[in-house]
PDB file of all heavy atoms in Angstrom:
ATOM      1  N   LEU A   1      -0.391   3.648  -2.047  1.00  0.00           N
ATOM      2  CA  LEU A   1       0.641   2.605  -1.904  1.00  0.00           C
ATOM      3  C   LEU A   1       1.791   3.012  -0.918  1.00  0.00           C
ATOM      4  O   LEU A   1       2.354   2.272  -0.206  1.00  0.00           O
ATOM      5  CB  LEU A   1       1.168   2.251  -3.265  1.00  0.00           C
ATOM      6  CG  LEU A   1       0.315   1.624  -4.372  1.00  0.00           C
ATOM      7  CD1 LEU A   1       1.130   1.123  -5.615  1.00  0.00           C
ATOM      8  CD2 LEU A   1      -0.529   0.534  -3.853  1.00  0.00           C
ATOM      9  N   GLU A   2       2.221   4.330  -1.214  1.00  0.00           N
ATOM     10  CA  GLU A   2       3.355   4.842  -0.397  1.00  0.00           C
ATOM     11  C   GLU A   2       3.035   4.827   1.018  1.00  0.00           C
ATOM     12  O   GLU A   2       3.722   4.508   1.944  1.00  0.00           O
ATOM     13  CB  GLU A   2       3.729   6.109  -0.923  1.00  0.00           C
ATOM     14  CG  GLU A   2       4.292   6.188  -2.273  1.00  0.00           C
ATOM     15  CD  GLU A   2       3.225   6.213  -3.351  1.00  0.00           C
ATOM     16  OE1 GLU A   2       2.010   6.071  -3.096  1.00  0.00           O
ATOM     17  OE2 GLU A   2       3.639   6.321  -4.656  1.00  0.00           O
ATOM     18  N   GLN A   3       1.799   5.351   1.430  1.00  0.00           N
ATOM     19  CA  GLN A   3       1.441   5.373   2.778  1.00  0.00           C
ATOM     20  C   GLN A   3       1.411   3.984   3.503  1.00  0.00           C
ATOM     21  O   GLN A   3       1.667   3.788   4.700  1.00  0.00           O
ATOM     22  CB  GLN A   3       0.139   6.116   2.955  1.00  0.00           C
ATOM     23  CG  GLN A   3      -0.311   6.399   4.434  1.00  0.00           C
ATOM     24  CD  GLN A   3       0.704   7.203   5.233  1.00  0.00           C
ATOM     25  OE1 GLN A   3       1.178   8.359   4.697  1.00  0.00           O
ATOM     26  NE2 GLN A   3       1.156   6.659   6.295  1.00  0.00           N
ATOM     27  N   PHE A   4       0.837   3.054   2.727  1.00  0.00           N
ATOM     28  CA  PHE A   4       0.800   1.677   3.186  1.00  0.00           C
ATOM     29  C   PHE A   4       2.154   1.142   3.493  1.00  0.00           C
ATOM     30  O   PHE A   4       2.376   0.455   4.595  1.00  0.00           O
ATOM     31  CB  PHE A   4       0.099   0.796   2.293  1.00  0.00           C
ATOM     32  CG  PHE A   4      -0.198  -0.594   2.720  1.00  0.00           C
ATOM     33  CD1 PHE A   4      -0.827  -0.749   3.944  1.00  0.00           C
ATOM     34  CD2 PHE A   4       0.176  -1.794   2.093  1.00  0.00           C
ATOM     35  CE1 PHE A   4      -1.204  -2.095   4.446  1.00  0.00           C
ATOM     36  CE2 PHE A   4      -0.067  -2.921   2.479  1.00  0.00           C
ATOM     37  CZ  PHE A   4      -0.751  -3.272   3.737  1.00  0.00           C
ATOM     38  N   ALA A   5       3.156   1.414   2.602  1.00  0.00           N
ATOM     39  CA  ALA A   5       4.494   0.957   2.758  1.00  0.00           C
ATOM     40  C   ALA A   5       5.126   1.686   4.122  1.00  0.00           C
ATOM     41  O   ALA A   5       5.864   1.009   4.790  1.00  0.00           O
ATOM     42  CB  ALA A   5       5.324   1.282   1.536  1.00  0.00           C
ATOM     43  N   ILE A   6       4.795   2.973   4.157  1.00  0.00           N
ATOM     44  CA  ILE A   6       5.218   3.680   5.317  1.00  0.00           C
ATOM     45  C   ILE A   6       4.694   3.115   6.684  1.00  0.00           C
ATOM     46  O   ILE A   6       5.301   2.884   7.650  1.00  0.00           O
ATOM     47  CB  ILE A   6       4.858   5.160   5.233  1.00  0.00           C
ATOM     48  CG1 ILE A   6       5.644   5.830   4.178  1.00  0.00           C
ATOM     49  CG2 ILE A   6       5.019   5.843   6.593  1.00  0.00           C
ATOM     50  CD1 ILE A   6       5.244   7.205   3.788  1.00  0.00           C
ATOM     51  N   ASP A   7       3.402   2.817   6.615  1.00  0.00           N
ATOM     52  CA  ASP A   7       2.707   2.101   7.702  1.00  0.00           C
ATOM     53  C   ASP A   7       3.398   0.922   8.121  1.00  0.00           C
ATOM     54  O   ASP A   7       3.615   0.587   9.318  1.00  0.00           O
ATOM     55  CB  ASP A   7       1.285   1.901   7.497  1.00  0.00           C
ATOM     56  CG  ASP A   7       0.440   3.155   7.401  1.00  0.00           C
ATOM     57  OD1 ASP A   7       0.886   4.221   7.814  1.00  0.00           O
ATOM     58  OD2 ASP A   7      -0.623   3.031   6.877  1.00  0.00           O
ATOM     59  N   ILE A   8       3.781   0.052   7.133  1.00  0.00           N
ATOM     60  CA  ILE A   8       4.442  -1.159   7.538  1.00  0.00           C
ATOM     61  C   ILE A   8       5.825  -0.986   8.142  1.00  0.00           C
ATOM     62  O   ILE A   8       6.231  -1.601   9.143  1.00  0.00           O
ATOM     63  CB  ILE A   8       4.647  -2.086   6.120  1.00  0.00           C
ATOM     64  CG1 ILE A   8       3.243  -2.492   5.702  1.00  0.00           C
ATOM     65  CG2 ILE A   8       5.466  -3.331   6.440  1.00  0.00           C
ATOM     66  CD1 ILE A   8       3.229  -3.152   4.273  1.00  0.00           C
ATOM     67  N   CYS A   9       6.586  -0.074   7.502  1.00  0.00           N
ATOM     68  CA  CYS A   9       7.925   0.187   8.078  1.00  0.00           C
ATOM     69  C   CYS A   9       7.825   0.690   9.475  1.00  0.00           C
ATOM     70  O   CYS A   9       8.511   0.209  10.408  1.00  0.00           O
ATOM     71  CB  CYS A   9       8.625   1.232   7.129  1.00  0.00           C
ATOM     72  SG  CYS A   9       9.218   0.662   5.676  1.00  0.00           S
ATOM     73  N   LYS A  10       6.949   1.597   9.703  1.00  0.00           N
ATOM     74  CA  LYS A  10       6.719   2.195  11.058  1.00  0.00           C
ATOM     75  C   LYS A  10       6.359   1.116  12.127  1.00  0.00           C
ATOM     76  O   LYS A  10       6.822   1.239  13.224  1.00  0.00           O
ATOM     77  CB  LYS A  10       5.781   3.402  11.000  1.00  0.00           C
ATOM     78  CG  LYS A  10       6.278   4.639  10.311  1.00  0.00           C
ATOM     79  CD  LYS A  10       5.243   5.779  10.510  1.00  0.00           C
ATOM     80  CE  LYS A  10       5.906   7.093   9.930  1.00  0.00           C
ATOM     81  NZ  LYS A  10       4.943   8.237  10.056  1.00  0.00           N
ATOM     82  N   HIS A  11       5.449   0.229  11.721  1.00  0.00           N
ATOM     83  CA  HIS A  11       5.028  -0.719  12.616  1.00  0.00           C
ATOM     84  C   HIS A  11       6.144  -1.654  13.009  1.00  0.00           C
ATOM     85  O   HIS A  11       6.363  -1.926  14.291  1.00  0.00           O
ATOM     86  CB  HIS A  11       3.980  -1.640  12.008  1.00  0.00           C
ATOM     87  CG  HIS A  11       3.498  -2.717  12.814  1.00  0.00           C
ATOM     88  ND1 HIS A  11       2.507  -2.630  13.776  1.00  0.00           N
ATOM     89  CD2 HIS A  11       3.936  -4.079  12.979  1.00  0.00           C
ATOM     90  CE1 HIS A  11       2.270  -3.633  14.377  1.00  0.00           C
ATOM     91  NE2 HIS A  11       3.108  -4.614  13.929  1.00  0.00           N
ATOM     92  N   PHE A  12       6.985  -2.128  12.134  1.00  0.00           N
ATOM     93  CA  PHE A  12       8.054  -2.905  12.517  1.00  0.00           C
ATOM     94  C   PHE A  12       9.147  -2.181  13.397  1.00  0.00           C
ATOM     95  O   PHE A  12       9.776  -2.719  14.308  1.00  0.00           O
ATOM     96  CB  PHE A  12       8.764  -3.682  11.320  1.00  0.00           C
ATOM     97  CG  PHE A  12       7.979  -4.789  10.861  1.00  0.00           C
ATOM     98  CD1 PHE A  12       7.102  -4.657   9.741  1.00  0.00           C
ATOM     99  CD2 PHE A  12       8.055  -5.993  11.385  1.00  0.00           C
ATOM    100  CE1 PHE A  12       6.456  -5.680   9.222  1.00  0.00           C
ATOM    101  CE2 PHE A  12       7.336  -7.107  10.937  1.00  0.00           C
ATOM    102  CZ  PHE A  12       6.429  -6.918   9.761  1.00  0.00           C
ATOM    103  N   MET A  13       9.399  -0.865  13.055  1.00  0.00           N
ATOM    104  CA  MET A  13      10.356  -0.173  13.737  1.00  0.00           C
ATOM    105  C   MET A  13       9.941   0.195  15.203  1.00  0.00           C
ATOM    106  O   MET A  13      10.651   0.167  16.075  1.00  0.00           O
ATOM    107  CB  MET A  13      10.633   1.176  13.069  1.00  0.00           C
ATOM    108  CG  MET A  13      11.738   1.045  12.011  1.00  0.00           C
ATOM    109  SD  MET A  13      13.355   0.580  12.738  1.00  0.00           S
ATOM    110  CE  MET A  13      14.262   0.346  11.253  1.00  0.00           C
ATOM    111  N   THR A  14       8.617   0.431  15.365  1.00  0.00           N
ATOM    112  CA  THR A  14       8.056   0.796  16.740  1.00  0.00           C
ATOM    113  C   THR A  14       7.761  -0.403  17.643  1.00  0.00           C
ATOM    114  O   THR A  14       7.660  -0.203  18.726  1.00  0.00           O
ATOM    115  CB  THR A  14       6.902   1.715  16.542  1.00  0.00           C
ATOM    116  OG1 THR A  14       5.894   1.141  15.805  1.00  0.00           O
ATOM    117  CG2 THR A  14       7.267   3.006  15.888  1.00  0.00           C
ATOM    118  N   THR A  15       7.512  -1.542  16.978  1.00  0.00           N
ATOM    119  CA  THR A  15       6.940  -2.722  17.771  1.00  0.00           C
ATOM    120  C   THR A  15       8.138  -3.641  18.151  1.00  0.00           C
ATOM    121  O   THR A  15       8.101  -4.231  19.218  1.00  0.00           O
ATOM    122  CB  THR A  15       5.997  -3.483  16.854  1.00  0.00           C
ATOM    123  OG1 THR A  15       4.964  -2.595  16.413  1.00  0.00           O
ATOM    124  CG2 THR A  15       5.336  -4.503  17.658  1.00  0.00           C
ATOM    125  N   PHE A  16       9.182  -3.709  17.285  1.00  0.00           N
ATOM    126  CA  PHE A  16      10.236  -4.735  17.623  1.00  0.00           C
ATOM    127  C   PHE A  16      11.466  -4.027  17.764  1.00  0.00           C
ATOM    128  O   PHE A  16      12.103  -3.481  16.735  1.00  0.00           O
ATOM    129  CB  PHE A  16      10.373  -5.739  16.423  1.00  0.00           C
ATOM    130  CG  PHE A  16       8.958  -6.400  16.100  1.00  0.00           C
ATOM    131  CD1 PHE A  16       8.144  -6.051  15.041  1.00  0.00           C
ATOM    132  CD2 PHE A  16       8.537  -7.455  16.818  1.00  0.00           C
ATOM    133  CE1 PHE A  16       7.004  -6.674  14.773  1.00  0.00           C
ATOM    134  CE2 PHE A  16       7.343  -8.194  16.645  1.00  0.00           C
ATOM    135  CZ  PHE A  16       6.513  -7.641  15.570  1.00  0.00           C
ATOM    136  N   CYS A  17      12.114  -4.133  18.829  1.00  0.00           N
ATOM    137  CA  CYS A  17      13.471  -3.414  19.263  1.00  0.00           C
ATOM    138  C   CYS A  17      14.603  -4.100  18.442  1.00  0.00           C
ATOM    139  O   CYS A  17      15.550  -3.552  18.383  1.00  0.00           O
ATOM    140  CB  CYS A  17      13.734  -3.253  20.704  1.00  0.00           C
ATOM    141  SG  CYS A  17      13.731  -4.867  21.615  1.00  0.00           S
ATOM    142  N   GLN A  18      14.373  -5.382  18.122  1.00  0.00           N
ATOM    143  CA  GLN A  18      15.474  -6.068  17.486  1.00  0.00           C
ATOM    144  C   GLN A  18      15.514  -5.872  15.985  1.00  0.00           C
ATOM    145  O   GLN A  18      16.479  -6.291  15.290  1.00  0.00           O
ATOM    146  CB  GLN A  18      15.279  -7.605  17.732  1.00  0.00           C
ATOM    147  CG  GLN A  18      14.098  -8.266  16.977  1.00  0.00           C
ATOM    148  CD  GLN A  18      12.886  -8.396  17.775  1.00  0.00           C
ATOM    149  OE1 GLN A  18      12.538  -7.403  18.484  1.00  0.00           O
ATOM    150  NE2 GLN A  18      12.211  -9.561  17.661  1.00  0.00           N
ATOM    151  N   VAL A  19      14.639  -5.016  15.417  1.00  0.00           N
ATOM    152  CA  VAL A  19      14.665  -4.742  13.985  1.00  0.00           C
ATOM    153  C   VAL A  19      15.582  -3.479  13.903  1.00  0.00           C
ATOM    154  O   VAL A  19      15.352  -2.466  14.393  1.00  0.00           O
ATOM    155  CB  VAL A  19      13.316  -4.448  13.464  1.00  0.00           C
ATOM    156  CG1 VAL A  19      13.349  -3.914  12.077  1.00  0.00           C
ATOM    157  CG2 VAL A  19      12.377  -5.631  13.498  1.00  0.00           C
ATOM    158  N   ALA A  20      16.617  -3.674  13.006  1.00  0.00           N
ATOM    159  CA  ALA A  20      17.570  -2.597  12.716  1.00  0.00           C
ATOM    160  C   ALA A  20      17.337  -1.844  11.435  1.00  0.00           C
ATOM    161  O   ALA A  20      17.794  -0.712  11.211  1.00  0.00           O
ATOM    162  CB  ALA A  20      19.025  -3.202  12.693  1.00  0.00           C
ATOM    163  N   TYR A  21      16.617  -2.645  10.518  1.00  0.00           N
ATOM    164  CA  TYR A  21      16.335  -2.009   9.222  1.00  0.00           C
ATOM    165  C   TYR A  21      15.140  -2.730   8.622  1.00  0.00           C
ATOM    166  O   TYR A  21      15.015  -4.038   8.862  1.00  0.00           O
ATOM    167  CB  TYR A  21      17.540  -2.242   8.283  1.00  0.00           C
ATOM    168  CG  TYR A  21      17.366  -2.013   6.728  1.00  0.00           C
ATOM    169  CD1 TYR A  21      17.335  -0.698   6.295  1.00  0.00           C
ATOM    170  CD2 TYR A  21      17.171  -2.989   5.952  1.00  0.00           C
ATOM    171  CE1 TYR A  21      17.160  -0.601   4.877  1.00  0.00           C
ATOM    172  CE2 TYR A  21      16.875  -2.903   4.578  1.00  0.00           C
ATOM    173  CZ  TYR A  21      16.863  -1.562   4.109  1.00  0.00           C
ATOM    174  OH  TYR A  21      16.703  -1.321   2.726  1.00  0.00           O
ATOM    175  N   VAL A  22      14.375  -2.013   7.933  1.00  0.00           N
ATOM    176  CA  VAL A  22      13.104  -2.647   7.310  1.00  0.00           C
ATOM    177  C   VAL A  22      12.946  -1.934   5.908  1.00  0.00           C
ATOM    178  O   VAL A  22      13.151  -0.721   5.690  1.00  0.00           O
ATOM    179  CB  VAL A  22      11.900  -2.441   8.210  1.00  0.00           C
ATOM    180  CG1 VAL A  22      11.598  -0.966   8.579  1.00  0.00           C
ATOM    181  CG2 VAL A  22      10.637  -3.015   7.388  1.00  0.00           C
ATOM    182  N   LYS A  23      12.463  -2.898   4.890  1.00  0.00           N
ATOM    183  CA  LYS A  23      12.259  -2.391   3.670  1.00  0.00           C
ATOM    184  C   LYS A  23      10.980  -3.022   3.171  1.00  0.00           C
ATOM    185  O   LYS A  23      10.874  -4.290   3.239  1.00  0.00           O
ATOM    186  CB  LYS A  23      13.429  -2.662   2.667  1.00  0.00           C
ATOM    187  CG  LYS A  23      13.238  -2.178   1.237  1.00  0.00           C
ATOM    188  CD  LYS A  23      14.516  -2.474   0.418  1.00  0.00           C
ATOM    189  CE  LYS A  23      14.351  -1.964  -1.007  1.00  0.00           C
ATOM    190  NZ  LYS A  23      15.540  -2.180  -1.810  1.00  0.00           N
ATOM    191  N   THR A  24      10.036  -2.274   2.604  1.00  0.00           N
ATOM    192  CA  THR A  24       8.838  -2.843   2.045  1.00  0.00           C
ATOM    193  C   THR A  24       8.614  -2.394   0.701  1.00  0.00           C
ATOM    194  O   THR A  24       8.876  -1.097   0.332  1.00  0.00           O
ATOM    195  CB  THR A  24       7.643  -2.301   2.959  1.00  0.00           C
ATOM    196  OG1 THR A  24       7.746  -3.014   4.214  1.00  0.00           O
ATOM    197  CG2 THR A  24       6.440  -2.682   2.319  1.00  0.00           C
ATOM    198  N   TYR A  25       8.330  -3.264  -0.222  1.00  0.00           N
ATOM    199  CA  TYR A  25       7.930  -3.011  -1.578  1.00  0.00           C
ATOM    200  C   TYR A  25       6.452  -3.467  -1.824  1.00  0.00           C
ATOM    201  O   TYR A  25       6.072  -4.395  -1.333  1.00  0.00           O
ATOM    202  CB  TYR A  25       8.864  -3.814  -2.472  1.00  0.00           C
ATOM    203  CG  TYR A  25       8.435  -3.889  -3.975  1.00  0.00           C
ATOM    204  CD1 TYR A  25       8.953  -2.962  -4.831  1.00  0.00           C
ATOM    205  CD2 TYR A  25       7.514  -4.833  -4.361  1.00  0.00           C
ATOM    206  CE1 TYR A  25       8.585  -2.987  -6.309  1.00  0.00           C
ATOM    207  CE2 TYR A  25       7.120  -4.851  -5.801  1.00  0.00           C
ATOM    208  CZ  TYR A  25       7.820  -4.004  -6.657  1.00  0.00           C
ATOM    209  OH  TYR A  25       7.431  -3.938  -7.927  1.00  0.00           O
ATOM    210  N   VAL A  26       5.810  -2.415  -2.422  1.00  0.00           N
ATOM    211  CA  VAL A  26       4.343  -2.698  -2.720  1.00  0.00           C
ATOM    212  C   VAL A  26       4.033  -2.350  -4.216  1.00  0.00           C
ATOM    213  O   VAL A  26       4.453  -1.336  -4.739  1.00  0.00           O
ATOM    214  CB  VAL A  26       3.434  -1.738  -1.763  1.00  0.00           C
ATOM    215  CG1 VAL A  26       2.008  -2.156  -2.119  1.00  0.00           C
ATOM    216  CG2 VAL A  26       3.782  -1.894  -0.334  1.00  0.00           C
ATOM    217  N   GLN A  27       3.433  -3.321  -4.933  1.00  0.00           N
ATOM    218  CA  GLN A  27       2.938  -2.909  -6.221  1.00  0.00           C
ATOM    219  C   GLN A  27       1.497  -3.354  -6.373  1.00  0.00           C
ATOM    220  O   GLN A  27       0.997  -4.102  -5.656  1.00  0.00           O
ATOM    221  CB  GLN A  27       3.774  -3.813  -7.306  1.00  0.00           C
ATOM    222  CG  GLN A  27       3.513  -5.243  -7.418  1.00  0.00           C
ATOM    223  CD  GLN A  27       4.248  -5.999  -8.502  1.00  0.00           C
ATOM    224  OE1 GLN A  27       5.456  -5.599  -8.695  1.00  0.00           O
ATOM    225  NE2 GLN A  27       3.671  -6.902  -9.292  1.00  0.00           N
ATOM    226  N   GLU A  28       0.865  -2.632  -7.241  1.00  0.00           N
ATOM    227  CA  GLU A  28      -0.566  -2.588  -7.477  1.00  0.00           C
ATOM    228  C   GLU A  28      -0.993  -3.300  -8.765  1.00  0.00           C
ATOM    229  O   GLU A  28      -0.408  -3.133  -9.781  1.00  0.00           O
ATOM    230  CB  GLU A  28      -1.136  -1.119  -7.422  1.00  0.00           C
ATOM    231  CG  GLU A  28      -2.588  -0.985  -7.491  1.00  0.00           C
ATOM    232  CD  GLU A  28      -3.100   0.338  -7.466  1.00  0.00           C
ATOM    233  OE1 GLU A  28      -2.134   1.314  -7.547  1.00  0.00           O
ATOM    234  OE2 GLU A  28      -4.355   0.537  -7.468  1.00  0.00           O
ATOM    235  N   VAL A  29      -1.997  -4.161  -8.715  1.00  0.00           N
ATOM    236  CA  VAL A  29      -2.608  -4.684 -10.004  1.00  0.00           C
ATOM    237  C   VAL A  29      -3.506  -3.597 -10.443  1.00  0.00           C
ATOM    238  O   VAL A  29      -4.268  -2.942  -9.860  1.00  0.00           O
ATOM    239  CB  VAL A  29      -3.636  -5.906  -9.497  1.00  0.00           C
ATOM    240  CG1 VAL A  29      -4.228  -6.399 -10.813  1.00  0.00           C
ATOM    241  CG2 VAL A  29      -2.702  -6.991  -8.840  1.00  0.00           C
ATOM    242  N   PRO A  30      -3.294  -3.291 -11.733  1.00  0.00           N
ATOM    243  CA  PRO A  30      -3.937  -2.218 -12.437  1.00  0.00           C
ATOM    244  C   PRO A  30      -5.376  -2.368 -12.692  1.00  0.00           C
ATOM    245  O   PRO A  30      -5.859  -2.331 -13.893  1.00  0.00           O
ATOM    246  CB  PRO A  30      -3.097  -1.946 -13.749  1.00  0.00           C
ATOM    247  CG  PRO A  30      -2.640  -3.376 -14.080  1.00  0.00           C
ATOM    248  CD  PRO A  30      -2.500  -4.038 -12.844  1.00  0.00           C
ATOM    249  N   TRP A  31      -6.184  -2.377 -11.638  1.00  0.00           N
ATOM    250  CA  TRP A  31      -7.634  -2.385 -11.817  1.00  0.00           C
ATOM    251  C   TRP A  31      -8.159  -0.992 -12.059  1.00  0.00           C
ATOM    252  O   TRP A  31      -7.783  -0.035 -11.411  1.00  0.00           O
ATOM    253  CB  TRP A  31      -8.343  -2.893 -10.544  1.00  0.00           C
ATOM    254  CG  TRP A  31      -8.147  -4.437 -10.360  1.00  0.00           C
ATOM    255  CD1 TRP A  31      -7.444  -4.968  -9.426  1.00  0.00           C
ATOM    256  CD2 TRP A  31      -8.788  -5.421 -11.107  1.00  0.00           C
ATOM    257  NE1 TRP A  31      -7.533  -6.377  -9.472  1.00  0.00           N
ATOM    258  CE2 TRP A  31      -8.393  -6.654 -10.583  1.00  0.00           C
ATOM    259  CE3 TRP A  31      -9.638  -5.451 -12.228  1.00  0.00           C
ATOM    260  CZ2 TRP A  31      -8.696  -7.990 -10.986  1.00  0.00           C
ATOM    261  CZ3 TRP A  31     -10.049  -6.716 -12.707  1.00  0.00           C
ATOM    262  CH2 TRP A  31      -9.536  -7.843 -12.116  1.00  0.00           C
ATOM    263  N   GLN A  32      -9.094  -0.765 -13.067  1.00  0.00           N
ATOM    264  CA  GLN A  32      -9.667   0.440 -13.364  1.00  0.00           C
ATOM    265  C   GLN A  32     -11.192   0.358 -13.266  1.00  0.00           C
ATOM    266  O   GLN A  32     -11.749  -0.681 -13.761  1.00  0.00           O
ATOM    267  CB  GLN A  32      -9.244   1.007 -14.610  1.00  0.00           C
ATOM    268  CG  GLN A  32      -7.768   1.466 -14.592  1.00  0.00           C
ATOM    269  CD  GLN A  32      -7.503   2.179 -15.971  1.00  0.00           C
ATOM    270  OE1 GLN A  32      -8.276   2.472 -16.827  1.00  0.00           O
ATOM    271  NE2 GLN A  32      -6.092   2.232 -16.220  1.00  0.00           N
ATOM    272  N   ARG A  33     -11.947   1.366 -12.756  1.00  0.00           N
ATOM    273  CA  ARG A  33     -13.340   1.278 -12.692  1.00  0.00           C
ATOM    274  C   ARG A  33     -13.998   1.169 -14.064  1.00  0.00           C
ATOM    275  O   ARG A  33     -13.612   1.925 -14.979  1.00  0.00           O
ATOM    276  CB  ARG A  33     -13.885   2.440 -11.907  1.00  0.00           C
ATOM    277  CG  ARG A  33     -15.475   2.281 -11.556  1.00  0.00           C
ATOM    278  CD  ARG A  33     -15.851   3.538 -10.706  1.00  0.00           C
ATOM    279  NE  ARG A  33     -15.183   3.551  -9.510  1.00  0.00           N
ATOM    280  CZ  ARG A  33     -15.543   2.795  -8.438  1.00  0.00           C
ATOM    281  NH1 ARG A  33     -16.514   1.892  -8.469  1.00  0.00           N
ATOM    282  NH2 ARG A  33     -14.781   2.905  -7.296  1.00  0.00           N
ATOM    283  N   LEU A  34     -14.979   0.315 -14.390  1.00  0.00           N
ATOM    284  CA  LEU A  34     -15.699   0.285 -15.593  1.00  0.00           C
ATOM    285  C   LEU A  34     -16.599   1.491 -15.737  1.00  0.00           C
ATOM    286  O   LEU A  34     -17.052   2.017 -14.752  1.00  0.00           O
ATOM    287  CB  LEU A  34     -16.550  -0.901 -15.647  1.00  0.00           C
ATOM    288  CG  LEU A  34     -15.842  -2.298 -16.139  1.00  0.00           C
ATOM    289  CD1 LEU A  34     -16.863  -3.386 -15.991  1.00  0.00           C
ATOM    290  CD2 LEU A  34     -15.218  -2.155 -17.482  1.00  0.00           C
ATOM    291  N   HIS A  35     -16.654   2.005 -17.008  1.00  0.00           N
ATOM    292  CA  HIS A  35     -17.579   3.030 -17.413  1.00  0.00           C
ATOM    293  C   HIS A  35     -18.531   2.534 -18.454  1.00  0.00           C
ATOM    294  O   HIS A  35     -18.107   1.872 -19.419  1.00  0.00           O
ATOM    295  CB  HIS A  35     -16.777   4.249 -17.796  1.00  0.00           C
ATOM    296  CG  HIS A  35     -16.131   5.008 -16.803  1.00  0.00           C
ATOM    297  ND1 HIS A  35     -14.981   4.539 -16.120  1.00  0.00           N
ATOM    298  CD2 HIS A  35     -16.392   6.221 -16.222  1.00  0.00           C
ATOM    299  CE1 HIS A  35     -14.545   5.385 -15.178  1.00  0.00           C
ATOM    300  NE2 HIS A  35     -15.443   6.341 -15.231  1.00  0.00           N
ATOM    301  N   GLU A  36     -19.752   2.855 -18.324  1.00  0.00           N
ATOM    302  CA  GLU A  36     -20.900   2.598 -19.323  1.00  0.00           C
ATOM    303  C   GLU A  36     -21.422   3.874 -19.808  1.00  0.00           C
ATOM    304  O   GLU A  36     -22.142   4.472 -18.986  1.00  0.00           O
ATOM    305  CB  GLU A  36     -21.842   1.615 -18.699  1.00  0.00           C
ATOM    306  CG  GLU A  36     -21.201   0.207 -18.422  1.00  0.00           C
ATOM    307  CD  GLU A  36     -22.321  -0.791 -17.885  1.00  0.00           C
ATOM    308  OE1 GLU A  36     -23.543  -0.496 -18.012  1.00  0.00           O
ATOM    309  OE2 GLU A  36     -21.888  -1.872 -17.324  1.00  0.00           O
ATOM    310  N   ASN A  37     -21.205   4.132 -21.035  1.00  0.00           N
ATOM    311  CA  ASN A  37     -21.762   5.488 -21.661  1.00  0.00           C
ATOM    312  C   ASN A  37     -21.343   6.518 -20.794  1.00  0.00           C
ATOM    313  O   ASN A  37     -22.074   7.539 -20.532  1.00  0.00           O
ATOM    314  CB  ASN A  37     -23.291   5.356 -21.712  1.00  0.00           C
ATOM    315  CG  ASN A  37     -23.785   4.325 -22.614  1.00  0.00           C
ATOM    316  OD1 ASN A  37     -23.175   3.893 -23.614  1.00  0.00           O
ATOM    317  ND2 ASN A  37     -24.875   3.618 -22.224  1.00  0.00           N
ATOM    318  N   GLY A  38     -20.026   6.501 -20.313  1.00  0.00           N
ATOM    319  CA  GLY A  38     -19.498   7.637 -19.543  1.00  0.00           C
ATOM    320  C   GLY A  38     -19.801   7.640 -18.072  1.00  0.00           C
ATOM    321  O   GLY A  38     -19.398   8.468 -17.343  1.00  0.00           O
ATOM    322  N   VAL A  39     -20.754   6.730 -17.651  1.00  0.00           N
ATOM    323  CA  VAL A  39     -21.094   6.589 -16.239  1.00  0.00           C
ATOM    324  C   VAL A  39     -20.233   5.541 -15.552  1.00  0.00           C
ATOM    325  O   VAL A  39     -20.185   4.339 -15.907  1.00  0.00           O
ATOM    326  CB  VAL A  39     -22.565   6.231 -16.244  1.00  0.00           C
ATOM    327  CG1 VAL A  39     -22.993   6.193 -14.681  1.00  0.00           C
ATOM    328  CG2 VAL A  39     -23.501   7.228 -16.886  1.00  0.00           C
ATOM    329  N   PRO A  40     -19.531   5.986 -14.396  1.00  0.00           N
ATOM    330  CA  PRO A  40     -18.784   4.972 -13.691  1.00  0.00           C
ATOM    331  C   PRO A  40     -19.627   3.905 -12.983  1.00  0.00           C
ATOM    332  O   PRO A  40     -20.623   4.267 -12.299  1.00  0.00           O
ATOM    333  CB  PRO A  40     -17.944   5.881 -12.669  1.00  0.00           C
ATOM    334  CG  PRO A  40     -18.783   7.056 -12.464  1.00  0.00           C
ATOM    335  CD  PRO A  40     -19.437   7.330 -13.900  1.00  0.00           C
ATOM    336  N   HIS A  41     -19.238   2.648 -13.101  1.00  0.00           N
ATOM    337  CA  HIS A  41     -19.862   1.536 -12.415  1.00  0.00           C
ATOM    338  C   HIS A  41     -19.550   1.576 -10.971  1.00  0.00           C
ATOM    339  O   HIS A  41     -18.514   1.862 -10.580  1.00  0.00           O
ATOM    340  CB  HIS A  41     -19.553   0.277 -13.080  1.00  0.00           C
ATOM    341  CG  HIS A  41     -20.582  -0.839 -12.855  1.00  0.00           C
ATOM    342  ND1 HIS A  41     -20.755  -1.428 -11.534  1.00  0.00           N
ATOM    343  CD2 HIS A  41     -21.445  -1.324 -13.781  1.00  0.00           C
ATOM    344  CE1 HIS A  41     -21.642  -2.358 -11.790  1.00  0.00           C
ATOM    345  NE2 HIS A  41     -22.189  -2.328 -12.973  1.00  0.00           N
ATOM    346  N   VAL A  42     -20.609   1.258 -10.112  1.00  0.00           N
ATOM    347  CA  VAL A  42     -20.411   1.352  -8.628  1.00  0.00           C
ATOM    348  C   VAL A  42     -19.600   0.205  -8.106  1.00  0.00           C
ATOM    349  O   VAL A  42     -18.865   0.307  -7.094  1.00  0.00           O
ATOM    350  CB  VAL A  42     -21.781   1.366  -7.904  1.00  0.00           C
ATOM    351  CG1 VAL A  42     -22.487   2.693  -8.238  1.00  0.00           C
ATOM    352  CG2 VAL A  42     -22.679   0.053  -8.192  1.00  0.00           C
TER     353      VAL A  42
END
């Protein structure tokens, strides 16, 4: 999540000279991989 937020900030700073400040918030939906009898589902 953090690297994606960094990528967004860097893109706007390096692409648009009129941007003085950028802030990006990213939150994740808590998906977890299913396990069946201890085996992770693909």
